[in-house]
Amino acid sequence: MAFLFGIRKTGELRGPPLVTARRLEGDQEARKRYEEAARDAVSRCFPITVTPSFGAILGESPIRLRFVNTPPTAAYQINGNITIFAPP
């Protein structure tokens, strides 16, 4: 499940996160619970503390966040900018 959202210079969300991708498995109830948990996880992270220099770039930088529920691997390349390293 992937979200796209923006953050205000104050550290608050600029609106509800937009779901940009969704590939959930399991029965309808399991998919619903996973989606609710992902939305809740994002909402609990905000507001964040923002420094003035970081706040200056927030208004123009969309944030893309992807929740992945697969077995961990040594390294997982999300895109050209982000690699997640998991312990073996």
N, C-alpha and C. Protein backbone atom coordinates (compact mmCIF):
# COMPACT_ATOMS: atom_id res chain seq x y z
N MET A 1 0.86 -1.16 0.00
CA MET A 1 0.00 0.00 0.00
C MET A 1 0.90 1.22 0.00
N ALA A 2 0.61 2.18 -0.87
CA ALA A 2 1.46 3.36 -1.00
C ALA A 2 0.63 4.63 -0.83
N PHE A 3 1.24 5.61 -0.17
CA PHE A 3 0.60 6.90 0.08
C PHE A 3 1.42 8.02 -0.53
N LEU A 4 0.73 9.10 -0.87
CA LEU A 4 1.35 10.34 -1.31
C LEU A 4 0.75 11.44 -0.46
N PHE A 5 1.60 12.27 0.15
CA PHE A 5 1.09 13.35 0.99
C PHE A 5 2.11 14.47 1.08
N GLY A 6 1.67 15.58 1.61
CA GLY A 6 2.55 16.71 1.84
C GLY A 6 2.52 17.10 3.31
N ILE A 7 3.55 17.80 3.71
CA ILE A 7 3.67 18.25 5.10
C ILE A 7 3.80 19.76 5.10
N ARG A 8 3.04 20.42 5.95
CA ARG A 8 3.14 21.87 6.10
C ARG A 8 4.43 22.24 6.81
N LYS A 9 4.80 23.49 6.72
CA LYS A 9 6.00 23.97 7.42
C LYS A 9 5.88 23.82 8.92
N THR A 10 4.66 23.69 9.41
CA THR A 10 4.41 23.49 10.84
C THR A 10 4.58 22.03 11.26
N GLY A 11 4.76 21.14 10.30
CA GLY A 11 4.93 19.72 10.60
C GLY A 11 3.65 18.92 10.54
N GLU A 12 2.55 19.56 10.17
CA GLU A 12 1.26 18.86 10.06
C GLU A 12 1.05 18.38 8.63
N LEU A 13 0.21 17.35 8.49
CA LEU A 13 -0.16 16.90 7.15
C LEU A 13 -0.93 18.00 6.43
N ARG A 14 -0.72 18.12 5.12
CA ARG A 14 -1.45 19.11 4.33
C ARG A 14 -2.81 18.60 3.87
N GLY A 15 -3.26 17.56 4.42
CA GLY A 15 -4.54 16.96 4.05
C GLY A 15 -4.42 15.46 4.21
N PRO A 16 -5.50 14.76 3.96
CA PRO A 16 -5.42 13.30 4.10
C PRO A 16 -4.49 12.70 3.05
N PRO A 17 -3.69 11.71 3.45
CA PRO A 17 -2.82 11.05 2.48
C PRO A 17 -3.63 10.40 1.37
N LEU A 18 -3.12 10.50 0.16
CA LEU A 18 -3.75 9.89 -1.01
C LEU A 18 -3.17 8.49 -1.20
N VAL A 19 -4.02 7.51 -1.35
CA VAL A 19 -3.56 6.15 -1.63
C VAL A 19 -3.25 6.08 -3.12
N THR A 20 -1.99 5.78 -3.44
CA THR A 20 -1.58 5.73 -4.85
C THR A 20 -1.42 4.31 -5.36
N ALA A 21 -1.34 3.34 -4.45
CA ALA A 21 -1.25 1.94 -4.87
C ALA A 21 -1.78 1.08 -3.74
N ARG A 22 -2.40 -0.02 -4.11
CA ARG A 22 -2.96 -0.91 -3.10
C ARG A 22 -2.93 -2.32 -3.67
N ARG A 23 -2.20 -3.19 -3.02
CA ARG A 23 -2.18 -4.60 -3.41
C ARG A 23 -2.23 -5.42 -2.13
N LEU A 24 -3.42 -5.68 -1.68
CA LEU A 24 -3.63 -6.36 -0.41
C LEU A 24 -4.14 -7.75 -0.65
N GLU A 25 -3.66 -8.67 0.16
CA GLU A 25 -4.08 -10.06 0.04
C GLU A 25 -4.91 -10.45 1.25
N GLY A 26 -5.58 -11.58 1.16
CA GLY A 26 -6.39 -12.07 2.26
C GLY A 26 -7.86 -11.79 2.01
N ASP A 27 -8.68 -12.14 2.99
CA ASP A 27 -10.10 -11.90 2.83
C ASP A 27 -10.41 -10.41 3.00
N GLN A 28 -11.65 -10.06 2.77
CA GLN A 28 -12.04 -8.64 2.80
C GLN A 28 -11.76 -8.00 4.16
N GLU A 29 -12.02 -8.72 5.24
CA GLU A 29 -11.79 -8.18 6.59
C GLU A 29 -10.30 -7.96 6.84
N ALA A 30 -9.45 -8.89 6.41
CA ALA A 30 -8.00 -8.74 6.60
C ALA A 30 -7.48 -7.54 5.80
N ARG A 31 -7.95 -7.38 4.57
CA ARG A 31 -7.53 -6.23 3.74
C ARG A 31 -7.97 -4.92 4.39
N LYS A 32 -9.18 -4.92 4.92
CA LYS A 32 -9.70 -3.71 5.57
C LYS A 32 -8.86 -3.35 6.80
N ARG A 33 -8.54 -4.35 7.62
CA ARG A 33 -7.73 -4.11 8.82
C ARG A 33 -6.33 -3.62 8.46
N TYR A 34 -5.72 -4.18 7.42
CA TYR A 34 -4.38 -3.75 6.99
C TYR A 34 -4.42 -2.29 6.53
N GLU A 35 -5.41 -1.94 5.73
CA GLU A 35 -5.52 -0.57 5.24
C GLU A 35 -5.75 0.40 6.40
N GLU A 36 -6.61 0.05 7.33
CA GLU A 36 -6.85 0.90 8.50
C GLU A 36 -5.58 1.07 9.33
N ALA A 37 -4.83 -0.01 9.50
CA ALA A 37 -3.59 0.06 10.27
C ALA A 37 -2.55 0.93 9.58
N ALA A 38 -2.47 0.85 8.26
CA ALA A 38 -1.52 1.67 7.52
C ALA A 38 -1.89 3.15 7.63
N ARG A 39 -3.16 3.47 7.46
CA ARG A 39 -3.62 4.86 7.60
C ARG A 39 -3.37 5.37 9.02
N ASP A 40 -3.63 4.54 10.01
CA ASP A 40 -3.42 4.93 11.40
C ASP A 40 -1.93 5.17 11.68
N ALA A 41 -1.08 4.32 11.13
CA ALA A 41 0.37 4.49 11.33
C ALA A 41 0.84 5.84 10.78
N VAL A 42 0.35 6.22 9.60
CA VAL A 42 0.73 7.51 9.03
C VAL A 42 0.21 8.64 9.90
N SER A 43 -1.04 8.58 10.31
CA SER A 43 -1.62 9.68 11.07
C SER A 43 -0.95 9.86 12.43
N ARG A 44 -0.48 8.77 13.05
CA ARG A 44 0.17 8.87 14.36
C ARG A 44 1.54 9.51 14.29
N CYS A 45 2.11 9.61 13.11
CA CYS A 45 3.44 10.21 12.95
C CYS A 45 3.42 11.74 12.94
N PHE A 46 2.25 12.32 12.86
CA PHE A 46 2.16 13.77 12.70
C PHE A 46 1.37 14.40 13.83
N PRO A 47 1.68 15.64 14.18
CA PRO A 47 2.66 16.52 13.57
C PRO A 47 4.08 16.13 13.97
N ILE A 48 5.03 16.53 13.14
CA ILE A 48 6.44 16.31 13.42
C ILE A 48 7.09 17.65 13.77
N THR A 49 8.23 17.59 14.42
CA THR A 49 9.00 18.79 14.70
C THR A 49 9.81 19.14 13.46
N VAL A 50 9.71 20.38 13.02
CA VAL A 50 10.35 20.79 11.78
C VAL A 50 11.31 21.95 12.06
N THR A 51 12.53 21.82 11.58
CA THR A 51 13.49 22.93 11.67
C THR A 51 13.16 23.95 10.59
N PRO A 52 13.57 25.20 10.75
CA PRO A 52 13.29 26.21 9.71
C PRO A 52 13.83 25.82 8.33
N SER A 53 15.03 25.26 8.28
CA SER A 53 15.59 24.90 6.96
C SER A 53 14.83 23.74 6.32
N PHE A 54 14.40 22.77 7.13
CA PHE A 54 13.61 21.67 6.59
C PHE A 54 12.22 22.16 6.19
N GLY A 55 11.65 23.03 7.00
CA GLY A 55 10.34 23.58 6.70
C GLY A 55 10.31 24.34 5.39
N ALA A 56 11.44 24.93 5.01
CA ALA A 56 11.51 25.70 3.77
C ALA A 56 11.30 24.83 2.54
N ILE A 57 11.64 23.55 2.61
CA ILE A 57 11.48 22.68 1.44
C ILE A 57 10.21 21.84 1.48
N LEU A 58 9.55 21.79 2.63
CA LEU A 58 8.39 20.90 2.76
C LEU A 58 7.24 21.26 1.84
N GLY A 59 6.98 22.53 1.63
CA GLY A 59 5.84 22.93 0.83
C GLY A 59 5.91 22.50 -0.62
N GLU A 60 7.09 22.15 -1.08
CA GLU A 60 7.26 21.80 -2.49
C GLU A 60 7.65 20.35 -2.71
N SER A 61 7.73 19.58 -1.65
CA SER A 61 8.21 18.21 -1.77
C SER A 61 7.15 17.20 -1.37
N PRO A 62 6.54 16.52 -2.33
CA PRO A 62 5.59 15.46 -1.96
C PRO A 62 6.34 14.29 -1.34
N ILE A 63 5.71 13.65 -0.38
CA ILE A 63 6.29 12.49 0.30
C ILE A 63 5.56 11.25 -0.20
N ARG A 64 6.34 10.26 -0.57
CA ARG A 64 5.77 8.98 -0.97
C ARG A 64 6.21 7.95 0.05
N LEU A 65 5.23 7.24 0.61
CA LEU A 65 5.51 6.25 1.64
C LEU A 65 4.82 4.96 1.26
N ARG A 66 5.57 3.88 1.31
CA ARG A 66 5.04 2.59 0.90
C ARG A 66 5.15 1.59 2.04
N PHE A 67 4.04 0.96 2.39
CA PHE A 67 4.03 -0.10 3.39
C PHE A 67 4.17 -1.42 2.66
N VAL A 68 5.12 -2.24 3.08
CA VAL A 68 5.37 -3.53 2.45
C VAL A 68 5.28 -4.60 3.52
N ASN A 69 4.50 -5.61 3.27
CA ASN A 69 4.33 -6.69 4.23
C ASN A 69 4.81 -7.99 3.60
N THR A 70 6.11 -8.08 3.43
CA THR A 70 6.72 -9.28 2.86
C THR A 70 7.86 -9.71 3.79
N PRO A 71 8.30 -10.94 3.68
CA PRO A 71 9.42 -11.37 4.52
C PRO A 71 10.65 -10.49 4.27
N PRO A 72 11.41 -10.16 5.32
CA PRO A 72 12.57 -9.30 5.14
C PRO A 72 13.65 -9.96 4.30
N THR A 73 14.37 -9.14 3.59
CA THR A 73 15.53 -9.58 2.82
C THR A 73 16.71 -8.75 3.28
N ALA A 74 17.91 -9.11 2.86
CA ALA A 74 19.10 -8.36 3.28
C ALA A 74 19.01 -6.90 2.85
N ALA A 75 18.53 -6.64 1.65
CA ALA A 75 18.35 -5.26 1.17
C ALA A 75 17.20 -5.26 0.19
N TYR A 76 16.42 -4.21 0.24
CA TYR A 76 15.27 -4.09 -0.65
C TYR A 76 15.31 -2.72 -1.29
N GLN A 77 15.49 -2.66 -2.59
CA GLN A 77 15.58 -1.40 -3.32
C GLN A 77 14.18 -0.92 -3.67
N ILE A 78 13.73 0.17 -3.03
CA ILE A 78 12.41 0.71 -3.31
C ILE A 78 12.44 1.51 -4.60
N ASN A 79 13.42 2.36 -4.75
CA ASN A 79 13.62 3.11 -5.98
C ASN A 79 15.07 3.55 -6.02
N GLY A 80 15.41 4.46 -6.92
CA GLY A 80 16.79 4.91 -7.03
C GLY A 80 17.29 5.67 -5.83
N ASN A 81 16.37 6.13 -4.97
CA ASN A 81 16.76 6.95 -3.82
C ASN A 81 16.70 6.23 -2.49
N ILE A 82 15.93 5.16 -2.39
CA ILE A 82 15.68 4.56 -1.08
C ILE A 82 15.97 3.06 -1.12
N THR A 83 16.80 2.61 -0.20
CA THR A 83 17.05 1.19 0.00
C THR A 83 16.81 0.90 1.46
N ILE A 84 16.05 -0.14 1.76
CA ILE A 84 15.84 -0.57 3.13
C ILE A 84 16.73 -1.76 3.40
N PHE A 85 17.48 -1.70 4.48
CA PHE A 85 18.34 -2.80 4.88
C PHE A 85 17.72 -3.49 6.08
N ALA A 86 17.51 -4.78 5.97
CA ALA A 86 16.92 -5.55 7.06
C ALA A 86 17.95 -6.55 7.55
N PRO A 87 17.97 -6.80 8.85
CA PRO A 87 18.90 -7.81 9.35
C PRO A 87 18.55 -9.19 8.79
N PRO A 88 19.55 -9.98 8.47
CA PRO A 88 19.27 -11.32 7.91
C PRO A 88 18.65 -12.25 8.92
